[in-house]
Protein backbone atom coordinates (compact mmCIF):
# COMPACT_ATOMS: atom_id res chain seq x y z
CA MET A 1 1.97 -119.71 181.02
CA THR A 2 2.18 -123.46 180.98
CA THR A 3 4.40 -125.21 178.46
CA GLU A 4 2.77 -127.72 176.10
CA VAL A 5 3.13 -131.41 176.97
CA THR A 6 5.52 -133.46 174.95
CA ARG A 7 5.55 -137.04 173.69
CA GLU A 8 8.55 -137.89 175.71
CA GLU A 9 7.12 -136.52 178.93
CA MET A 10 3.78 -138.49 178.53
CA GLN A 11 5.69 -141.62 177.69
CA ARG A 12 7.89 -141.04 180.82
CA GLU A 13 4.84 -140.57 183.07
CA PHE A 14 2.38 -143.09 181.67
CA GLN A 15 2.23 -146.54 180.06
CA ILE A 16 -0.24 -145.92 177.12
CA VAL A 17 -2.00 -148.78 175.38
CA CYS A 18 -4.75 -148.34 172.75
CA THR A 19 -7.20 -151.19 173.53
CA LYS A 20 -9.74 -150.31 170.70
CA THR A 21 -10.42 -147.92 167.90
CA ALA A 22 -14.03 -147.18 167.11
CA PRO A 23 -15.20 -145.17 164.15
CA THR A 24 -17.77 -142.67 165.36
CA GLY A 25 -18.94 -141.08 162.01
CA PHE A 26 -18.56 -141.08 158.38
CA VAL A 27 -18.83 -138.97 155.21
CA LYS A 28 -20.09 -139.98 151.97
CA HIS A 29 -19.66 -137.78 148.80
CA LEU A 30 -22.62 -138.33 146.62
CA THR A 31 -24.34 -137.06 143.40
CA ILE A 32 -28.03 -137.23 143.05
CA THR A 33 -29.79 -136.69 139.54
CA ASP A 34 -33.48 -136.06 139.45
CA ARG A 35 -35.93 -137.02 136.63
CA ASP A 36 -35.22 -133.64 134.95
CA GLY A 37 -31.46 -134.34 134.76
CA ILE A 38 -30.73 -131.82 137.49
CA VAL A 39 -27.54 -132.97 139.34
CA TYR A 40 -27.12 -132.29 143.07
CA GLY A 41 -23.76 -132.82 144.71
CA CYS A 42 -23.82 -133.35 148.54
CA ARG A 43 -21.84 -134.83 151.36
CA LEU A 44 -23.96 -136.97 153.72
CA TYR A 45 -22.45 -137.35 157.05
CA TRP A 46 -23.15 -139.20 160.33
CA ASP A 47 -21.69 -139.08 163.78
CA GLU A 48 -22.73 -140.86 166.88
CA HIS A 49 -23.46 -137.64 168.83
CA ASP A 50 -25.59 -135.70 166.23
CA GLY A 51 -26.91 -138.30 163.98
CA TYR A 52 -27.35 -137.60 160.08
CA GLY A 53 -26.77 -134.25 158.43
CA ILE A 54 -26.10 -133.18 154.80
CA TYR A 55 -24.03 -130.40 153.13
CA TRP A 56 -25.44 -129.48 149.78
CA ASP A 57 -22.84 -128.23 147.05
CA ASN A 58 -25.30 -126.77 144.38
CA GLY A 59 -28.83 -126.45 145.17
CA ILE A 60 -31.25 -128.47 147.46
CA PRO A 61 -33.84 -130.97 146.11
CA PRO A 62 -37.26 -130.49 147.61
CA MET A 63 -37.62 -133.98 148.94
CA SER A 64 -34.60 -133.59 151.09
CA GLU A 65 -36.62 -131.56 153.67
CA ARG A 66 -38.73 -134.64 154.44
CA PRO A 67 -38.07 -136.96 157.37
CA GLU A 68 -35.78 -139.88 156.99
CA PHE A 69 -34.29 -138.44 153.79
CA GLU A 70 -30.69 -138.80 155.02
CA TYR A 71 -31.24 -142.31 156.48
CA ILE A 72 -32.72 -143.58 153.36
CA LEU A 73 -30.06 -142.07 151.21
CA ASP A 74 -27.37 -143.79 153.39
CA SER A 75 -29.35 -147.10 153.09
CA ILE A 76 -29.39 -146.95 149.34
CA THR A 77 -25.73 -146.09 149.01
CA GLU A 78 -24.55 -148.56 151.62
CA ASP A 79 -23.68 -151.39 149.20
CA SER A 80 -21.81 -149.10 146.79
CA ASN A 81 -19.86 -147.50 149.87
CA ALA A 82 -18.38 -151.01 150.56
CA ASN A 83 -16.76 -150.94 147.31
CA ASN A 84 -14.94 -147.73 147.89
CA ARG A 85 -13.14 -148.75 151.14
């Protein structure tokens, strides 16, 4: 069995410099209320490998099955997201 590497061991063997940090994804917590007053909670996510996805907390609105739903939802909430950073 191999022992796990330690911080000290890596720093002894390598000079490590972080040259850049790049966000590769995000999650937005949203509520969506339809015309009948039904409230849907969801977490919209995106990552650079898999694109958009959505987790629904309490039911799924019918429109969400249509193409580009997640993209348009992200676009609509982009300005409000800037205020939450």
